[in-house]
């Protein structure tokens, strides 16, 4: 069974937000598109809004679905659903990440991205072109 996860491809102008996973988390040190596990009876869109408020203290608008990716970590599998989002408001406060960066789509491949996020990069580049 796949664990359902939602991720925000969060734009502010031409830049996309990536976040470095905290040293005490699974996949510590990897960069990811922020988001999290979709709770029971929660839509992916609601999950993104909740997770970004909890983890980053920001508000976003979820615009549209971009892509999904199934990833097998060996001991568990996730189904990652990625949505194009727009930053609305908030002062960033990191609880589950050590660092954040705003980067251009073409820069994404130069970061050590979490394995489930890597297949999304080309879809983001295609979306932006």
C-alpha atoms as a PDB file:
ATOM      1  CA  UNK A   1       0.000   0.000   0.000  1.00  0.00           C
ATOM      2  CA  UNK A   2       1.189   3.477  -0.882  1.00  0.00           C
ATOM      3  CA  UNK A   3       1.342   6.283   1.655  1.00  0.00           C
ATOM      4  CA  UNK A   4      -0.366   9.295   0.036  1.00  0.00           C
ATOM      5  CA  UNK A   5       1.780  12.437   0.116  1.00  0.00           C
ATOM      6  CA  UNK A   6       1.204  15.906  -1.345  1.00  0.00           C
ATOM      7  CA  UNK A   7       3.915  18.340  -2.403  1.00  0.00           C
ATOM      8  CA  UNK A   8       3.800  22.036  -3.234  1.00  0.00           C
ATOM      9  CA  UNK A   9       5.619  23.254  -6.316  1.00  0.00           C
ATOM     10  CA  UNK A  10       5.538  26.710  -4.801  1.00  0.00           C
ATOM     11  CA  UNK A  11       6.184  29.687  -7.036  1.00  0.00           C
ATOM     12  CA  UNK A  12       6.993  33.256  -6.128  1.00  0.00           C
ATOM     13  CA  UNK A  13       7.535  34.974  -9.453  1.00  0.00           C
ATOM     14  CA  UNK A  14       9.879  32.728 -11.446  1.00  0.00           C
ATOM     15  CA  UNK A  15      11.440  31.131  -8.353  1.00  0.00           C
ATOM     16  CA  UNK A  16      10.448  27.775  -6.816  1.00  0.00           C
ATOM     17  CA  UNK A  17      10.762  26.956  -3.130  1.00  0.00           C
ATOM     18  CA  UNK A  18      12.816  23.951  -2.039  1.00  0.00           C
ATOM     19  CA  UNK A  19      13.470  22.951   1.543  1.00  0.00           C
ATOM     20  CA  UNK A  20      16.329  20.938   3.081  1.00  0.00           C
ATOM     21  CA  UNK A  21      15.103  18.153   5.358  1.00  0.00           C
ATOM     22  CA  UNK A  22      16.143  18.525   8.991  1.00  0.00           C
ATOM     23  CA  UNK A  23      19.001  16.422  10.360  1.00  0.00           C
ATOM     24  CA  UNK A  24      16.647  14.424  12.611  1.00  0.00           C
ATOM     25  CA  UNK A  25      14.236  13.438   9.787  1.00  0.00           C
ATOM     26  CA  UNK A  26      14.114  10.537   7.305  1.00  0.00           C
ATOM     27  CA  UNK A  27      16.190  11.574   4.257  1.00  0.00           C
ATOM     28  CA  UNK A  28      18.015  14.198   6.336  1.00  0.00           C
ATOM     29  CA  UNK A  29      19.950  16.665   4.214  1.00  0.00           C
ATOM     30  CA  UNK A  30      17.998  16.023   1.028  1.00  0.00           C
ATOM     31  CA  UNK A  31      16.161  18.900  -0.629  1.00  0.00           C
ATOM     32  CA  UNK A  32      12.453  18.510  -1.317  1.00  0.00           C
ATOM     33  CA  UNK A  33       9.341  20.262  -2.430  1.00  0.00           C
ATOM     34  CA  UNK A  34       7.532  20.972   0.857  1.00  0.00           C
ATOM     35  CA  UNK A  35       4.381  19.106   1.803  1.00  0.00           C
ATOM     36  CA  UNK A  36       3.540  15.987   3.727  1.00  0.00           C
ATOM     37  CA  UNK A  37       1.353  12.989   4.364  1.00  0.00           C
ATOM     38  CA  UNK A  38      -2.283  13.313   3.371  1.00  0.00           C
ATOM     39  CA  UNK A  39      -4.459  12.579   6.404  1.00  0.00           C
ATOM     40  CA  UNK A  40      -7.639  10.473   6.261  1.00  0.00           C
ATOM     41  CA  UNK A  41     -10.547  12.405   4.732  1.00  0.00           C
ATOM     42  CA  UNK A  42      -8.199  15.204   3.600  1.00  0.00           C
ATOM     43  CA  UNK A  43      -7.755  16.369   0.017  1.00  0.00           C
ATOM     44  CA  UNK A  44      -4.223  16.816  -1.346  1.00  0.00           C
ATOM     45  CA  UNK A  45      -4.924  20.533  -1.655  1.00  0.00           C
ATOM     46  CA  UNK A  46      -5.997  20.813   2.001  1.00  0.00           C
ATOM     47  CA  UNK A  47      -2.933  18.792   3.020  1.00  0.00           C
ATOM     48  CA  UNK A  48      -0.597  21.216   1.253  1.00  0.00           C
ATOM     49  CA  UNK A  49      -2.205  24.239   2.923  1.00  0.00           C
ATOM     50  CA  UNK A  50      -2.053  22.563   6.351  1.00  0.00           C
ATOM     51  CA  UNK A  51       1.500  21.243   6.023  1.00  0.00           C
ATOM     52  CA  UNK A  52       2.954  24.530   4.762  1.00  0.00           C
ATOM     53  CA  UNK A  53       1.255  26.394   7.594  1.00  0.00           C
ATOM     54  CA  UNK A  54       2.587  23.863  10.176  1.00  0.00           C
ATOM     55  CA  UNK A  55       6.103  23.445   8.774  1.00  0.00           C
ATOM     56  CA  UNK A  56       6.859  26.863   7.287  1.00  0.00           C
ATOM     57  CA  UNK A  57       4.250  29.222   8.791  1.00  0.00           C
ATOM     58  CA  UNK A  58       3.097  30.379   5.355  1.00  0.00           C
ATOM     59  CA  UNK A  59      -0.158  30.510   3.424  1.00  0.00           C
ATOM     60  CA  UNK A  60      -0.407  29.365  -0.176  1.00  0.00           C
ATOM     61  CA  UNK A  61      -2.952  29.020  -2.951  1.00  0.00           C
ATOM     62  CA  UNK A  62      -3.096  25.584  -4.591  1.00  0.00           C
ATOM     63  CA  UNK A  63      -3.624  26.242  -8.298  1.00  0.00           C
ATOM     64  CA  UNK A  64      -3.561  22.974 -10.228  1.00  0.00           C
ATOM     65  CA  UNK A  65      -2.287  19.399 -10.276  1.00  0.00           C
ATOM     66  CA  UNK A  66       1.107  18.946 -11.937  1.00  0.00           C
ATOM     67  CA  UNK A  67       1.998  15.251 -11.693  1.00  0.00           C
ATOM     68  CA  UNK A  68       2.279  12.276  -9.413  1.00  0.00           C
ATOM     69  CA  UNK A  69       5.082   9.841  -8.764  1.00  0.00           C
ATOM     70  CA  UNK A  70       5.138   6.507  -7.003  1.00  0.00           C
ATOM     71  CA  UNK A  71       8.385   5.823  -5.159  1.00  0.00           C
ATOM     72  CA  UNK A  72       9.516   2.661  -3.386  1.00  0.00           C
ATOM     73  CA  UNK A  73      11.846   3.300  -0.443  1.00  0.00           C
ATOM     74  CA  UNK A  74      12.247  -0.436   0.180  1.00  0.00           C
ATOM     75  CA  UNK A  75      10.414  -0.611   3.495  1.00  0.00           C
ATOM     76  CA  UNK A  76       7.501   1.573   2.353  1.00  0.00           C
ATOM     77  CA  UNK A  77       6.096   3.219  -0.781  1.00  0.00           C
ATOM     78  CA  UNK A  78       4.654   6.661  -1.293  1.00  0.00           C
ATOM     79  CA  UNK A  79       2.386   8.122  -3.943  1.00  0.00           C
ATOM     80  CA  UNK A  80       3.501  11.734  -4.267  1.00  0.00           C
ATOM     81  CA  UNK A  81       0.997  14.166  -5.776  1.00  0.00           C
ATOM     82  CA  UNK A  82       2.510  17.496  -6.790  1.00  0.00           C
ATOM     83  CA  UNK A  83       0.528  20.702  -7.227  1.00  0.00           C
ATOM     84  CA  UNK A  84       1.477  24.082  -8.625  1.00  0.00           C
ATOM     85  CA  UNK A  85       1.036  26.620  -5.805  1.00  0.00           C
ATOM     86  CA  UNK A  86       1.485  30.341  -5.276  1.00  0.00           C
ATOM     87  CA  UNK A  87       2.925  31.940  -2.153  1.00  0.00           C
ATOM     88  CA  UNK A  88       0.355  34.217  -0.498  1.00  0.00           C
ATOM     89  CA  UNK A  89       1.579  35.373   2.882  1.00  0.00           C
ATOM     90  CA  UNK A  90       3.603  34.580   5.971  1.00  0.00           C
ATOM     91  CA  UNK A  91       6.948  34.966   7.664  1.00  0.00           C
ATOM     92  CA  UNK A  92       8.932  31.780   7.156  1.00  0.00           C
ATOM     93  CA  UNK A  93       9.594  29.783  10.317  1.00  0.00           C
ATOM     94  CA  UNK A  94      11.269  26.382   9.875  1.00  0.00           C
ATOM     95  CA  UNK A  95      10.168  23.451  12.060  1.00  0.00           C
ATOM     96  CA  UNK A  96      10.909  20.401   9.853  1.00  0.00           C
ATOM     97  CA  UNK A  97      13.644  21.844   7.641  1.00  0.00           C
ATOM     98  CA  UNK A  98      17.155  23.169   8.182  1.00  0.00           C
ATOM     99  CA  UNK A  99      17.118  25.592   5.257  1.00  0.00           C
ATOM    100  CA  UNK A 100      14.989  26.874   2.372  1.00  0.00           C
ATOM    101  CA  UNK A 101      15.954  28.341  -0.999  1.00  0.00           C
ATOM    102  CA  UNK A 102      14.124  30.005  -3.862  1.00  0.00           C
ATOM    103  CA  UNK A 103      15.614  28.684  -7.121  1.00  0.00           C
ATOM    104  CA  UNK A 104      14.930  28.751 -10.846  1.00  0.00           C
ATOM    105  CA  UNK A 105      13.525  25.585 -12.423  1.00  0.00           C
ATOM    106  CA  UNK A 106      16.766  25.060 -14.344  1.00  0.00           C
ATOM    107  CA  UNK A 107      18.750  24.983 -11.083  1.00  0.00           C
ATOM    108  CA  UNK A 108      16.761  22.141  -9.481  1.00  0.00           C
ATOM    109  CA  UNK A 109      18.987  19.357 -10.846  1.00  0.00           C
ATOM    110  CA  UNK A 110      22.027  20.856  -9.098  1.00  0.00           C
ATOM    111  CA  UNK A 111      20.514  20.065  -5.664  1.00  0.00           C
ATOM    112  CA  UNK A 112      20.524  16.707  -3.885  1.00  0.00           C
ATOM    113  CA  UNK A 113      16.775  16.195  -4.215  1.00  0.00           C
ATOM    114  CA  UNK A 114      14.819  13.505  -2.379  1.00  0.00           C
ATOM    115  CA  UNK A 115      14.413  10.490  -4.705  1.00  0.00           C
ATOM    116  CA  UNK A 116      10.627  10.827  -5.013  1.00  0.00           C
ATOM    117  CA  UNK A 117      10.978  14.477  -6.071  1.00  0.00           C
ATOM    118  CA  UNK A 118      13.538  13.965  -8.876  1.00  0.00           C
ATOM    119  CA  UNK A 119      11.007  12.813 -11.537  1.00  0.00           C
ATOM    120  CA  UNK A 120       9.052  16.034 -10.965  1.00  0.00           C
ATOM    121  CA  UNK A 121      11.906  18.296 -12.094  1.00  0.00           C
ATOM    122  CA  UNK A 122      11.424  17.763 -15.849  1.00  0.00           C
ATOM    123  CA  UNK A 123       7.662  18.219 -15.440  1.00  0.00           C
ATOM    124  CA  UNK A 124       8.300  21.559 -13.689  1.00  0.00           C
ATOM    125  CA  UNK A 125      10.699  22.652 -16.438  1.00  0.00           C
ATOM    126  CA  UNK A 126       8.125  21.664 -19.078  1.00  0.00           C
ATOM    127  CA  UNK A 127       5.401  23.524 -17.169  1.00  0.00           C
ATOM    128  CA  UNK A 128       7.499  26.694 -17.094  1.00  0.00           C
ATOM    129  CA  UNK A 129       8.374  26.602 -20.819  1.00  0.00           C
END
